[in-house]
mmCIF file of all heavy atoms, coordinates in Angstrom:
data_MODEL
# 
_entry.id   MODEL 
# 
loop_
_atom_site.group_PDB 
_atom_site.id 
_atom_site.type_symbol 
_atom_site.label_atom_id 
_atom_site.label_alt_id 
_atom_site.label_comp_id 
_atom_site.label_asym_id 
_atom_site.label_entity_id 
_atom_site.label_seq_id 
_atom_site.pdbx_PDB_ins_code 
_atom_site.Cartn_x 
_atom_site.Cartn_y 
_atom_site.Cartn_z 
_atom_site.occupancy 
_atom_site.B_iso_or_equiv 
_atom_site.pdbx_formal_charge 
_atom_site.auth_seq_id 
_atom_site.auth_comp_id 
_atom_site.auth_asym_id 
_atom_site.auth_atom_id 
_atom_site.pdbx_PDB_model_num 
ATOM 1   N N   . ARG A 1 1  ? -47.803 -11.046 216.274 1.00 0.00 ? 1  ARG A N   1 
ATOM 2   C CA  . ARG A 1 1  ? -48.125 -10.345 217.513 1.00 0.00 ? 1  ARG A CA  1 
ATOM 3   C C   . ARG A 1 1  ? -49.330 -9.450  217.306 1.00 0.00 ? 1  ARG A C   1 
ATOM 4   O O   . ARG A 1 1  ? -49.624 -9.015  216.190 1.00 0.00 ? 1  ARG A O   1 
ATOM 5   C CB  . ARG A 1 1  ? -46.925 -9.548  218.033 1.00 0.00 ? 1  ARG A CB  1 
ATOM 6   C CG  . ARG A 1 1  ? -46.518 -8.370  217.174 1.00 0.00 ? 1  ARG A CG  1 
ATOM 7   C CD  . ARG A 1 1  ? -45.152 -7.834  217.618 1.00 0.00 ? 1  ARG A CD  1 
ATOM 8   N NE  . ARG A 1 1  ? -45.179 -7.286  218.972 1.00 0.00 ? 1  ARG A NE  1 
ATOM 9   C CZ  . ARG A 1 1  ? -44.099 -7.124  219.735 1.00 0.00 ? 1  ARG A CZ  1 
ATOM 10  N NH1 . ARG A 1 1  ? -42.894 -7.485  219.285 1.00 0.00 ? 1  ARG A NH1 1 
ATOM 11  N NH2 . ARG A 1 1  ? -44.224 -6.605  220.953 1.00 0.00 ? 1  ARG A NH2 1 
ATOM 12  N N   . GLU A 1 2  ? -50.002 -9.166  218.403 1.00 0.00 ? 2  GLU A N   1 
ATOM 13  C CA  . GLU A 1 2  ? -51.174 -8.317  218.417 1.00 0.00 ? 2  GLU A CA  1 
ATOM 14  C C   . GLU A 1 2  ? -50.938 -7.303  219.536 1.00 0.00 ? 2  GLU A C   1 
ATOM 15  O O   . GLU A 1 2  ? -51.266 -7.545  220.691 1.00 0.00 ? 2  GLU A O   1 
ATOM 16  C CB  . GLU A 1 2  ? -52.427 -9.148  218.658 1.00 0.00 ? 2  GLU A CB  1 
ATOM 17  C CG  . GLU A 1 2  ? -53.720 -8.455  218.343 1.00 0.00 ? 2  GLU A CG  1 
ATOM 18  C CD  . GLU A 1 2  ? -54.896 -9.417  218.350 1.00 0.00 ? 2  GLU A CD  1 
ATOM 19  O OE1 . GLU A 1 2  ? -54.710 -10.608 218.662 1.00 0.00 ? 2  GLU A OE1 1 
ATOM 20  O OE2 . GLU A 1 2  ? -56.010 -8.975  218.042 1.00 0.00 ? 2  GLU A OE2 1 
ATOM 21  N N   . ASN A 1 3  ? -50.365 -6.166  219.179 1.00 0.00 ? 3  ASN A N   1 
ATOM 22  C CA  . ASN A 1 3  ? -49.888 -5.225  220.184 1.00 0.00 ? 3  ASN A CA  1 
ATOM 23  C C   . ASN A 1 3  ? -51.005 -4.605  221.017 1.00 0.00 ? 3  ASN A C   1 
ATOM 24  O O   . ASN A 1 3  ? -50.800 -4.277  222.182 1.00 0.00 ? 3  ASN A O   1 
ATOM 25  C CB  . ASN A 1 3  ? -49.058 -4.132  219.522 1.00 0.00 ? 3  ASN A CB  1 
ATOM 26  C CG  . ASN A 1 3  ? -47.687 -4.624  219.116 1.00 0.00 ? 3  ASN A CG  1 
ATOM 27  O OD1 . ASN A 1 3  ? -47.200 -5.631  219.626 1.00 0.00 ? 3  ASN A OD1 1 
ATOM 28  N ND2 . ASN A 1 3  ? -47.048 -3.915  218.195 1.00 0.00 ? 3  ASN A ND2 1 
ATOM 29  N N   . ALA A 1 4  ? -52.182 -4.440  220.435 1.00 0.00 ? 4  ALA A N   1 
ATOM 30  C CA  . ALA A 1 4  ? -53.299 -3.873  221.183 1.00 0.00 ? 4  ALA A CA  1 
ATOM 31  C C   . ALA A 1 4  ? -53.715 -4.760  222.344 1.00 0.00 ? 4  ALA A C   1 
ATOM 32  O O   . ALA A 1 4  ? -54.338 -4.285  223.294 1.00 0.00 ? 4  ALA A O   1 
ATOM 33  C CB  . ALA A 1 4  ? -54.483 -3.622  220.261 1.00 0.00 ? 4  ALA A CB  1 
ATOM 34  N N   . LYS A 1 5  ? -53.364 -6.052  222.277 1.00 0.00 ? 5  LYS A N   1 
ATOM 35  C CA  . LYS A 1 5  ? -53.705 -7.005  223.330 1.00 0.00 ? 5  LYS A CA  1 
ATOM 36  C C   . LYS A 1 5  ? -52.486 -7.509  224.090 1.00 0.00 ? 5  LYS A C   1 
ATOM 37  O O   . LYS A 1 5  ? -52.613 -8.390  224.940 1.00 0.00 ? 5  LYS A O   1 
ATOM 38  C CB  . LYS A 1 5  ? -54.466 -8.192  222.744 1.00 0.00 ? 5  LYS A CB  1 
ATOM 39  C CG  . LYS A 1 5  ? -55.803 -7.834  222.127 1.00 0.00 ? 5  LYS A CG  1 
ATOM 40  C CD  . LYS A 1 5  ? -56.506 -9.069  221.602 1.00 0.00 ? 5  LYS A CD  1 
ATOM 41  C CE  . LYS A 1 5  ? -57.865 -8.727  221.029 1.00 0.00 ? 5  LYS A CE  1 
ATOM 42  N NZ  . LYS A 1 5  ? -58.564 -9.930  220.525 1.00 0.00 ? 5  LYS A NZ  1 
ATOM 43  N N   . ASN A 1 6  ? -51.312 -6.986  223.798 1.00 0.00 ? 6  ASN A N   1 
ATOM 44  C CA  . ASN A 1 6  ? -50.060 -7.448  224.415 1.00 0.00 ? 6  ASN A CA  1 
ATOM 45  C C   . ASN A 1 6  ? -49.887 -8.959  224.259 1.00 0.00 ? 6  ASN A C   1 
ATOM 46  O O   . ASN A 1 6  ? -49.538 -9.666  225.207 1.00 0.00 ? 6  ASN A O   1 
ATOM 47  C CB  . ASN A 1 6  ? -50.008 -7.068  225.897 1.00 0.00 ? 6  ASN A CB  1 
ATOM 48  C CG  . ASN A 1 6  ? -49.587 -5.629  226.129 1.00 0.00 ? 6  ASN A CG  1 
ATOM 49  O OD1 . ASN A 1 6  ? -49.782 -4.763  225.278 1.00 0.00 ? 6  ASN A OD1 1 
ATOM 50  N ND2 . ASN A 1 6  ? -49.011 -5.365  227.297 1.00 0.00 ? 6  ASN A ND2 1 
ATOM 51  N N   . MET A 1 7  ? -50.112 -9.457  223.045 1.00 0.00 ? 7  MET A N   1 
ATOM 52  C CA  . MET A 1 7  ? -50.049 -10.885 222.781 1.00 0.00 ? 7  MET A CA  1 
ATOM 53  C C   . MET A 1 7  ? -49.062 -11.185 221.664 1.00 0.00 ? 7  MET A C   1 
ATOM 54  O O   . MET A 1 7  ? -48.919 -10.415 220.710 1.00 0.00 ? 7  MET A O   1 
ATOM 55  C CB  . MET A 1 7  ? -51.416 -11.435 222.381 1.00 0.00 ? 7  MET A CB  1 
ATOM 56  C CG  . MET A 1 7  ? -52.470 -11.348 223.465 1.00 0.00 ? 7  MET A CG  1 
ATOM 57  S SD  . MET A 1 7  ? -52.157 -12.512 224.830 1.00 0.00 ? 7  MET A SD  1 
ATOM 58  C CE  . MET A 1 7  ? -52.408 -14.080 223.995 1.00 0.00 ? 7  MET A CE  1 
ATOM 59  N N   . VAL A 1 8  ? -48.393 -12.321 221.781 1.00 0.00 ? 8  VAL A N   1 
ATOM 60  C CA  . VAL A 1 8  ? -47.559 -12.857 220.719 1.00 0.00 ? 8  VAL A CA  1 
ATOM 61  C C   . VAL A 1 8  ? -47.912 -14.333 220.547 1.00 0.00 ? 8  VAL A C   1 
ATOM 62  O O   . VAL A 1 8  ? -48.254 -15.007 221.528 1.00 0.00 ? 8  VAL A O   1 
ATOM 63  C CB  . VAL A 1 8  ? -46.057 -12.645 221.019 1.00 0.00 ? 8  VAL A CB  1 
ATOM 64  C CG1 . VAL A 1 8  ? -45.645 -13.368 222.292 1.00 0.00 ? 8  VAL A CG1 1 
ATOM 65  C CG2 . VAL A 1 8  ? -45.205 -13.083 219.844 1.00 0.00 ? 8  VAL A CG2 1 
ATOM 66  N N   . TYR A 1 9  ? -47.824 -14.826 219.308 1.00 0.00 ? 9  TYR A N   1 
ATOM 67  C CA  . TYR A 1 9  ? -48.259 -16.178 218.999 1.00 0.00 ? 9  TYR A CA  1 
ATOM 68  C C   . TYR A 1 9  ? -47.187 -16.911 218.210 1.00 0.00 ? 9  TYR A C   1 
ATOM 69  O O   . TYR A 1 9  ? -46.359 -16.311 217.529 1.00 0.00 ? 9  TYR A O   1 
ATOM 70  C CB  . TYR A 1 9  ? -49.545 -16.165 218.172 1.00 0.00 ? 9  TYR A CB  1 
ATOM 71  C CG  . TYR A 1 9  ? -50.655 -15.349 218.765 1.00 0.00 ? 9  TYR A CG  1 
ATOM 72  C CD1 . TYR A 1 9  ? -50.882 -14.043 218.341 1.00 0.00 ? 9  TYR A CD1 1 
ATOM 73  C CD2 . TYR A 1 9  ? -51.479 -15.873 219.752 1.00 0.00 ? 9  TYR A CD2 1 
ATOM 74  C CE1 . TYR A 1 9  ? -51.903 -13.285 218.880 1.00 0.00 ? 9  TYR A CE1 1 
ATOM 75  C CE2 . TYR A 1 9  ? -52.496 -15.120 220.303 1.00 0.00 ? 9  TYR A CE2 1 
ATOM 76  C CZ  . TYR A 1 9  ? -52.713 -13.830 219.867 1.00 0.00 ? 9  TYR A CZ  1 
ATOM 77  O OH  . TYR A 1 9  ? -53.729 -13.083 220.408 1.00 0.00 ? 9  TYR A OH  1 
ATOM 78  N N   . LEU A 1 10 ? -47.236 -18.223 218.309 1.00 0.00 ? 10 LEU A N   1 
ATOM 79  C CA  . LEU A 1 10 ? -46.410 -19.075 217.460 1.00 0.00 ? 10 LEU A CA  1 
ATOM 80  C C   . LEU A 1 10 ? -47.305 -20.162 216.887 1.00 0.00 ? 10 LEU A C   1 
ATOM 81  O O   . LEU A 1 10 ? -47.731 -21.063 217.614 1.00 0.00 ? 10 LEU A O   1 
ATOM 82  C CB  . LEU A 1 10 ? -45.251 -19.700 218.238 1.00 0.00 ? 10 LEU A CB  1 
ATOM 83  C CG  . LEU A 1 10 ? -44.274 -20.529 217.399 1.00 0.00 ? 10 LEU A CG  1 
ATOM 84  C CD1 . LEU A 1 10 ? -43.487 -19.624 216.455 1.00 0.00 ? 10 LEU A CD1 1 
ATOM 85  C CD2 . LEU A 1 10 ? -43.324 -21.331 218.290 1.00 0.00 ? 10 LEU A CD2 1 
ATOM 86  N N   . GLN A 1 11 ? -47.605 -20.053 215.598 1.00 0.00 ? 11 GLN A N   1 
ATOM 87  C CA  . GLN A 1 11 ? -48.366 -21.079 214.902 1.00 0.00 ? 11 GLN A CA  1 
ATOM 88  C C   . GLN A 1 11 ? -47.405 -22.135 214.399 1.00 0.00 ? 11 GLN A C   1 
ATOM 89  O O   . GLN A 1 11 ? -46.492 -21.833 213.631 1.00 0.00 ? 11 GLN A O   1 
ATOM 90  C CB  . GLN A 1 11 ? -49.146 -20.470 213.736 1.00 0.00 ? 11 GLN A CB  1 
ATOM 91  C CG  . GLN A 1 11 ? -49.944 -21.483 212.924 1.00 0.00 ? 11 GLN A CG  1 
ATOM 92  C CD  . GLN A 1 11 ? -51.074 -22.100 213.702 1.00 0.00 ? 11 GLN A CD  1 
ATOM 93  O OE1 . GLN A 1 11 ? -51.803 -21.401 214.397 1.00 0.00 ? 11 GLN A OE1 1 
ATOM 94  N NE2 . GLN A 1 11 ? -51.215 -23.414 213.611 1.00 0.00 ? 11 GLN A NE2 1 
ATOM 95  N N   . MET A 1 12 ? -47.597 -23.373 214.818 1.00 0.00 ? 12 MET A N   1 
ATOM 96  C CA  . MET A 1 12 ? -46.712 -24.468 214.474 1.00 0.00 ? 12 MET A CA  1 
ATOM 97  C C   . MET A 1 12 ? -47.491 -25.490 213.655 1.00 0.00 ? 12 MET A C   1 
ATOM 98  O O   . MET A 1 12 ? -48.452 -26.083 214.148 1.00 0.00 ? 12 MET A O   1 
ATOM 99  C CB  . MET A 1 12 ? -46.132 -25.119 215.732 1.00 0.00 ? 12 MET A CB  1 
ATOM 100 C CG  . MET A 1 12 ? -45.427 -24.140 216.663 1.00 0.00 ? 12 MET A CG  1 
ATOM 101 S SD  . MET A 1 12 ? -44.655 -24.966 218.071 1.00 0.00 ? 12 MET A SD  1 
ATOM 102 C CE  . MET A 1 12 ? -46.116 -25.559 218.925 1.00 0.00 ? 12 MET A CE  1 
ATOM 103 N N   . ASN A 1 13 ? -47.075 -25.701 212.415 1.00 0.00 ? 13 ASN A N   1 
ATOM 104 C CA  . ASN A 1 13 ? -47.712 -26.654 211.521 1.00 0.00 ? 13 ASN A CA  1 
ATOM 105 C C   . ASN A 1 13 ? -46.767 -27.795 211.196 1.00 0.00 ? 13 ASN A C   1 
ATOM 106 O O   . ASN A 1 13 ? -45.549 -27.662 211.313 1.00 0.00 ? 13 ASN A O   1 
ATOM 107 C CB  . ASN A 1 13 ? -48.151 -25.961 210.228 1.00 0.00 ? 13 ASN A CB  1 
ATOM 108 C CG  . ASN A 1 13 ? -49.188 -24.890 210.451 1.00 0.00 ? 13 ASN A CG  1 
ATOM 109 O OD1 . ASN A 1 13 ? -50.036 -25.001 211.334 1.00 0.00 ? 13 ASN A OD1 1 
ATOM 110 N ND2 . ASN A 1 13 ? -49.133 -23.839 209.634 1.00 0.00 ? 13 ASN A ND2 1 
ATOM 111 N N   . THR A 1 14 ? -47.341 -28.905 210.761 1.00 0.00 ? 14 THR A N   1 
ATOM 112 C CA  . THR A 1 14 ? -46.567 -30.078 210.368 1.00 0.00 ? 14 THR A CA  1 
ATOM 113 C C   . THR A 1 14 ? -45.519 -30.423 211.423 1.00 0.00 ? 14 THR A C   1 
ATOM 114 O O   . THR A 1 14 ? -44.331 -30.555 211.132 1.00 0.00 ? 14 THR A O   1 
ATOM 115 C CB  . THR A 1 14 ? -45.909 -29.857 208.992 1.00 0.00 ? 14 THR A CB  1 
ATOM 116 O OG1 . THR A 1 14 ? -46.826 -29.203 208.107 1.00 0.00 ? 14 THR A OG1 1 
ATOM 117 C CG2 . THR A 1 14 ? -45.525 -31.197 208.364 1.00 0.00 ? 14 THR A CG2 1 
ATOM 118 N N   . LEU A 1 15 ? -45.970 -30.567 212.643 1.00 0.00 ? 15 LEU A N   1 
ATOM 119 C CA  . LEU A 1 15 ? -45.057 -30.826 213.749 1.00 0.00 ? 15 LEU A CA  1 
ATOM 120 C C   . LEU A 1 15 ? -44.355 -32.168 213.596 1.00 0.00 ? 15 LEU A C   1 
ATOM 121 O O   . LEU A 1 15 ? -44.923 -33.135 213.084 1.00 0.00 ? 15 LEU A O   1 
ATOM 122 C CB  . LEU A 1 15 ? -45.808 -30.776 215.068 1.00 0.00 ? 15 LEU A CB  1 
ATOM 123 C CG  . LEU A 1 15 ? -46.128 -29.353 215.543 1.00 0.00 ? 15 LEU A CG  1 
ATOM 124 C CD1 . LEU A 1 15 ? -47.236 -29.373 216.584 1.00 0.00 ? 15 LEU A CD1 1 
ATOM 125 C CD2 . LEU A 1 15 ? -44.876 -28.698 216.109 1.00 0.00 ? 15 LEU A CD2 1 
ATOM 126 N N   . LYS A 1 16 ? -43.113 -32.201 214.044 1.00 0.00 ? 16 LYS A N   1 
ATOM 127 C CA  . LYS A 1 16 ? -42.269 -33.379 213.976 1.00 0.00 ? 16 LYS A CA  1 
ATOM 128 C C   . LYS A 1 16 ? -41.835 -33.772 215.383 1.00 0.00 ? 16 LYS A C   1 
ATOM 129 O O   . LYS A 1 16 ? -41.782 -32.930 216.273 1.00 0.00 ? 16 LYS A O   1 
ATOM 130 C CB  . LYS A 1 16 ? -41.031 -33.092 213.121 1.00 0.00 ? 16 LYS A CB  1 
ATOM 131 C CG  . LYS A 1 16 ? -41.334 -32.599 211.719 1.00 0.00 ? 16 LYS A CG  1 
ATOM 132 C CD  . LYS A 1 16 ? -40.049 -32.232 210.993 1.00 0.00 ? 16 LYS A CD  1 
ATOM 133 C CE  . LYS A 1 16 ? -40.332 -31.673 209.610 1.00 0.00 ? 16 LYS A CE  1 
ATOM 134 N NZ  . LYS A 1 16 ? -40.927 -32.697 208.719 1.00 0.00 ? 16 LYS A NZ  1 
ATOM 135 N N   . PRO A 1 17 ? -41.497 -35.044 215.595 1.00 0.00 ? 17 PRO A N   1 
ATOM 136 C CA  . PRO A 1 17 ? -41.033 -35.448 216.926 1.00 0.00 ? 17 PRO A CA  1 
ATOM 137 C C   . PRO A 1 17 ? -39.865 -34.613 217.435 1.00 0.00 ? 17 PRO A C   1 
ATOM 138 O O   . PRO A 1 17 ? -39.772 -34.369 218.643 1.00 0.00 ? 17 PRO A O   1 
ATOM 139 C CB  . PRO A 1 17 ? -40.633 -36.916 216.724 1.00 0.00 ? 17 PRO A CB  1 
ATOM 140 C CG  . PRO A 1 17 ? -41.531 -37.383 215.634 1.00 0.00 ? 17 PRO A CG  1 
ATOM 141 C CD  . PRO A 1 17 ? -41.662 -36.208 214.704 1.00 0.00 ? 17 PRO A CD  1 
ATOM 142 N N   . GLU A 1 18 ? -38.987 -34.165 216.558 1.00 0.00 ? 18 GLU A N   1 
ATOM 143 C CA  . GLU A 1 18 ? -37.856 -33.354 216.975 1.00 0.00 ? 18 GLU A CA  1 
ATOM 144 C C   . GLU A 1 18 ? -38.243 -31.954 217.435 1.00 0.00 ? 18 GLU A C   1 
ATOM 145 O O   . GLU A 1 18 ? -37.397 -31.216 217.943 1.00 0.00 ? 18 GLU A O   1 
ATOM 146 C CB  . GLU A 1 18 ? -36.798 -33.269 215.868 1.00 0.00 ? 18 GLU A CB  1 
ATOM 147 C CG  . GLU A 1 18 ? -37.352 -32.851 214.519 1.00 0.00 ? 18 GLU A CG  1 
ATOM 148 C CD  . GLU A 1 18 ? -37.619 -34.032 213.604 1.00 0.00 ? 18 GLU A CD  1 
ATOM 149 O OE1 . GLU A 1 18 ? -38.185 -35.043 214.079 1.00 0.00 ? 18 GLU A OE1 1 
ATOM 150 O OE2 . GLU A 1 18 ? -37.258 -33.958 212.416 1.00 0.00 ? 18 GLU A OE2 1 
ATOM 151 N N   . ASP A 1 19 ? -39.513 -31.570 217.267 1.00 0.00 ? 19 ASP A N   1 
ATOM 152 C CA  . ASP A 1 19 ? -40.006 -30.310 217.810 1.00 0.00 ? 19 ASP A CA  1 
ATOM 153 C C   . ASP A 1 19 ? -40.361 -30.416 219.289 1.00 0.00 ? 19 ASP A C   1 
ATOM 154 O O   . ASP A 1 19 ? -40.671 -29.398 219.921 1.00 0.00 ? 19 ASP A O   1 
ATOM 155 C CB  . ASP A 1 19 ? -41.242 -29.840 217.044 1.00 0.00 ? 19 ASP A CB  1 
ATOM 156 C CG  . ASP A 1 19 ? -40.946 -29.505 215.599 1.00 0.00 ? 19 ASP A CG  1 
ATOM 157 O OD1 . ASP A 1 19 ? -39.898 -28.882 215.326 1.00 0.00 ? 19 ASP A OD1 1 
ATOM 158 O OD2 . ASP A 1 19 ? -41.776 -29.866 214.730 1.00 0.00 ? 19 ASP A OD2 1 
ATOM 159 N N   . THR A 1 20 ? -40.346 -31.611 219.836 1.00 0.00 ? 20 THR A N   1 
ATOM 160 C CA  . THR A 1 20 ? -40.687 -31.815 221.243 1.00 0.00 ? 20 THR A CA  1 
ATOM 161 C C   . THR A 1 20 ? -39.724 -31.047 222.142 1.00 0.00 ? 20 THR A C   1 
ATOM 162 O O   . THR A 1 20 ? -38.504 -31.209 222.052 1.00 0.00 ? 20 THR A O   1 
ATOM 163 C CB  . THR A 1 20 ? -40.648 -33.309 221.590 1.00 0.00 ? 20 THR A CB  1 
ATOM 164 O OG1 . THR A 1 20 ? -41.669 -33.989 220.852 1.00 0.00 ? 20 THR A OG1 1 
ATOM 165 C CG2 . THR A 1 20 ? -40.880 -33.531 223.078 1.00 0.00 ? 20 THR A CG2 1 
ATOM 166 N N   . ALA A 1 21 ? -40.280 -30.200 223.003 1.00 0.00 ? 21 ALA A N   1 
ATOM 167 C CA  . ALA A 1 21 ? -39.466 -29.361 223.879 1.00 0.00 ? 21 ALA A CA  1 
ATOM 168 C C   . ALA A 1 21 ? -40.387 -28.531 224.763 1.00 0.00 ? 21 ALA A C   1 
ATOM 169 O O   . ALA A 1 21 ? -41.593 -28.468 224.541 1.00 0.00 ? 21 ALA A O   1 
ATOM 170 C CB  . ALA A 1 21 ? -38.567 -28.428 223.062 1.00 0.00 ? 21 ALA A CB  1 
ATOM 171 N N   . VAL A 1 22 ? -39.789 -27.880 225.748 1.00 0.00 ? 22 VAL A N   1 
ATOM 172 C CA  . VAL A 1 22 ? -40.466 -26.815 226.471 1.00 0.00 ? 22 VAL A CA  1 
ATOM 173 C C   . VAL A 1 22 ? -40.243 -25.530 225.687 1.00 0.00 ? 22 VAL A C   1 
ATOM 174 O O   . VAL A 1 22 ? -39.102 -25.180 225.372 1.00 0.00 ? 22 VAL A O   1 
ATOM 175 C CB  . VAL A 1 22 ? -39.944 -26.667 227.909 1.00 0.00 ? 22 VAL A CB  1 
ATOM 176 C CG1 . VAL A 1 22 ? -40.613 -25.484 228.600 1.00 0.00 ? 22 VAL A CG1 1 
ATOM 177 C CG2 . VAL A 1 22 ? -40.194 -27.949 228.696 1.00 0.00 ? 22 VAL A CG2 1 
ATOM 178 N N   . TYR A 1 23 ? -41.311 -24.829 225.371 1.00 0.00 ? 23 TYR A N   1 
ATOM 179 C CA  . TYR A 1 23 ? -41.238 -23.605 224.591 1.00 0.00 ? 23 TYR A CA  1 
ATOM 180 C C   . TYR A 1 23 ? -41.383 -22.393 225.500 1.00 0.00 ? 23 TYR A C   1 
ATOM 181 O O   . TYR A 1 23 ? -42.303 -22.312 226.309 1.00 0.00 ? 23 TYR A O   1 
ATOM 182 C CB  . TYR A 1 23 ? -42.327 -23.593 223.516 1.00 0.00 ? 23 TYR A CB  1 
ATOM 183 C CG  . TYR A 1 23 ? -41.986 -24.468 222.339 1.00 0.00 ? 23 TYR A CG  1 
ATOM 184 C CD1 . TYR A 1 23 ? -41.994 -25.848 222.463 1.00 0.00 ? 23 TYR A CD1 1 
ATOM 185 C CD2 . TYR A 1 23 ? -41.639 -23.909 221.111 1.00 0.00 ? 23 TYR A CD2 1 
ATOM 186 C CE1 . TYR A 1 23 ? -41.656 -26.660 221.392 1.00 0.00 ? 23 TYR A CE1 1 
ATOM 187 C CE2 . TYR A 1 23 ? -41.305 -24.711 220.034 1.00 0.00 ? 23 TYR A CE2 1 
ATOM 188 C CZ  . TYR A 1 23 ? -41.315 -26.082 220.177 1.00 0.00 ? 23 TYR A CZ  1 
ATOM 189 O OH  . TYR A 1 23 ? -40.982 -26.883 219.107 1.00 0.00 ? 23 TYR A OH  1 
ATOM 190 N N   . TYR A 1 24 ? -40.460 -21.446 225.348 1.00 0.00 ? 24 TYR A N   1 
ATOM 191 C CA  . TYR A 1 24 ? -40.416 -20.249 226.172 1.00 0.00 ? 24 TYR A CA  1 
ATOM 192 C C   . TYR A 1 24 ? -40.651 -18.997 225.340 1.00 0.00 ? 24 TYR A C   1 
ATOM 193 O O   . TYR A 1 24 ? -40.113 -18.869 224.239 1.00 0.00 ? 24 TYR A O   1 
ATOM 194 C CB  . TYR A 1 24 ? -39.054 -20.117 226.857 1.00 0.00 ? 24 TYR A CB  1 
ATOM 195 C CG  . TYR A 1 24 ? -38.722 -21.223 227.814 1.00 0.00 ? 24 TYR A CG  1 
ATOM 196 C CD1 . TYR A 1 24 ? -38.047 -22.359 227.382 1.00 0.00 ? 24 TYR A CD1 1 
ATOM 197 C CD2 . TYR A 1 24 ? -39.082 -21.134 229.153 1.00 0.00 ? 24 TYR A CD2 1 
ATOM 198 C CE1 . TYR A 1 24 ? -37.738 -23.385 228.257 1.00 0.00 ? 24 TYR A CE1 1 
ATOM 199 C CE2 . TYR A 1 24 ? -38.774 -22.155 230.034 1.00 0.00 ? 24 TYR A CE2 1 
ATOM 200 C CZ  . TYR A 1 24 ? -38.100 -23.277 229.576 1.00 0.00 ? 24 TYR A CZ  1 
ATOM 201 O OH  . TYR A 1 24 ? -37.792 -24.288 230.460 1.00 0.00 ? 24 TYR A OH  1 
ATOM 202 N N   . CYS A 1 25 ? -41.417 -18.091 225.881 1.00 0.00 ? 25 CYS A N   1 
ATOM 203 C CA  . CYS A 1 25 ? -41.620 -16.773 225.308 1.00 0.00 ? 25 CYS A CA  1 
ATOM 204 C C   . CYS A 1 25 ? -40.726 -15.781 226.048 1.00 0.00 ? 25 CYS A C   1 
ATOM 205 O O   . CYS A 1 25 ? -40.612 -15.834 227.271 1.00 0.00 ? 25 CYS A O   1 
ATOM 206 C CB  . CYS A 1 25 ? -43.089 -16.367 225.439 1.00 0.00 ? 25 CYS A CB  1 
ATOM 207 S SG  . CYS A 1 25 ? -43.509 -14.738 224.788 1.00 0.00 ? 25 CYS A SG  1 
ATOM 208 N N   . ALA A 1 26 ? -40.068 -14.895 225.317 1.00 0.00 ? 26 ALA A N   1 
ATOM 209 C CA  . ALA A 1 26 ? -39.135 -13.958 225.920 1.00 0.00 ? 26 ALA A CA  1 
ATOM 210 C C   . ALA A 1 26 ? -39.242 -12.591 225.262 1.00 0.00 ? 26 ALA A C   1 
ATOM 211 O O   . ALA A 1 26 ? -39.579 -12.480 224.087 1.00 0.00 ? 26 ALA A O   1 
ATOM 212 C CB  . ALA A 1 26 ? -37.699 -14.478 225.800 1.00 0.00 ? 26 ALA A CB  1 
ATOM 213 N N   . GLY A 1 27 ? -38.913 -11.559 226.033 1.00 0.00 ? 27 GLY A N   1 
ATOM 214 C CA  . GLY A 1 27 ? -38.929 -10.202 225.519 1.00 0.00 ? 27 GLY A CA  1 
ATOM 215 C C   . GLY A 1 27 ? -37.632 -9.475  225.809 1.00 0.00 ? 27 GLY A C   1 
ATOM 216 O O   . GLY A 1 27 ? -36.977 -9.735  226.816 1.00 0.00 ? 27 GLY A O   1 
# 
């Protein structure tokens, strides 16, 4: 996260077919 910009990130590497989904951000 980068609080000065009100941002959060998810870096996803070596993706697999089972990672297929709708991804939601929540607080």
